[in-house]
Amino acid sequence: MIEDLEEKKEKDFRYDWVSSSRFLFYVVVFCMVAWLLGGCYKLYQERWKGKPDVEVPGNTLYTPEYK
């Protein structure tokens, strides 16, 4: 009975500090990579889609054109 309890404690996540910390480390790394890739994908979706055709008034050019 005591051996069974000790065996369960060895395999239990709460009692095994080494494997629980390793597991939590990998969960944090996975979450950070997922967050980074999600942010990159969102930036890719909202990327600059080209040069818009903007009409610039003549009086604001480098060499202004007056009437």
Protein backbone atom coordinates (compact mmCIF):
# COMPACT_ATOMS: atom_id res chain seq x y z
CA MET A 1 0.00 0.00 0.00
CA ILE A 2 2.75 2.47 0.92
CA GLU A 3 4.78 1.41 -2.13
CA ASP A 4 1.80 2.13 -4.37
CA LEU A 5 1.42 5.56 -2.82
CA GLU A 6 5.12 6.31 -3.30
CA GLU A 7 4.94 5.11 -6.92
CA LYS A 8 1.97 7.37 -7.60
CA LYS A 9 3.76 10.30 -6.00
CA GLU A 10 6.77 9.76 -8.28
CA LYS A 11 4.55 9.86 -11.37
CA ASP A 12 2.30 12.67 -10.18
CA PHE A 13 2.83 16.10 -11.72
CA ARG A 14 2.48 17.94 -8.41
CA TYR A 15 5.16 15.93 -6.60
CA ASP A 16 7.79 15.62 -9.33
CA TRP A 17 9.43 19.06 -9.44
CA VAL A 18 11.84 18.28 -12.28
CA SER A 19 9.34 17.04 -14.84
CA SER A 20 6.75 19.61 -13.82
CA SER A 21 9.20 22.49 -14.31
CA ARG A 22 10.33 21.00 -17.63
CA PHE A 23 6.70 20.68 -18.73
CA LEU A 24 5.90 24.26 -17.69
CA PHE A 25 9.00 25.52 -19.49
CA TYR A 26 7.91 23.87 -22.73
CA VAL A 27 4.36 25.19 -22.31
CA VAL A 28 5.71 28.74 -21.88
CA VAL A 29 8.04 28.36 -24.88
CA PHE A 30 5.18 27.02 -27.01
CA CYS A 31 2.90 29.90 -25.96
CA MET A 32 5.56 32.49 -26.73
CA VAL A 33 6.28 31.00 -30.17
CA ALA A 34 2.55 30.81 -30.94
CA TRP A 35 2.11 34.44 -29.83
CA LEU A 36 5.08 35.55 -31.96
CA LEU A 37 3.87 33.70 -35.05
CA GLY A 38 0.34 35.01 -34.55
CA GLY A 39 1.66 38.56 -34.32
CA CYS A 40 3.76 38.12 -37.45
CA TYR A 41 0.75 36.72 -39.32
CA LYS A 42 -1.42 39.63 -38.20
CA LEU A 43 1.24 42.11 -39.38
CA TYR A 44 1.41 40.22 -42.68
CA GLN A 45 -2.36 40.54 -43.12
CA GLU A 46 -2.29 44.28 -42.39
CA ARG A 47 0.77 44.94 -44.55
CA TRP A 48 1.19 47.94 -46.82
CA LYS A 49 -0.56 47.01 -50.03
CA GLY A 50 1.12 49.45 -52.40
CA LYS A 51 1.54 53.06 -53.26
CA PRO A 52 -1.73 54.97 -53.24
CA ASP A 53 -2.49 57.49 -55.98
CA VAL A 54 -2.43 60.73 -54.00
CA GLU A 55 -2.94 64.09 -55.64
CA VAL A 56 -0.49 66.60 -54.17
CA PRO A 57 -1.39 70.29 -54.42
CA GLY A 58 1.03 72.27 -56.59
CA ASN A 59 1.76 74.89 -53.93
CA THR A 60 3.17 72.26 -51.52
CA LEU A 61 5.77 70.77 -53.87
CA TYR A 62 9.54 71.22 -53.43
CA THR A 63 9.46 73.75 -56.23
CA PRO A 64 5.99 75.25 -55.76
CA GLU A 65 3.84 76.15 -58.72
CA TYR A 66 1.88 79.33 -58.14
CA LYS A 67 -0.94 80.71 -60.27
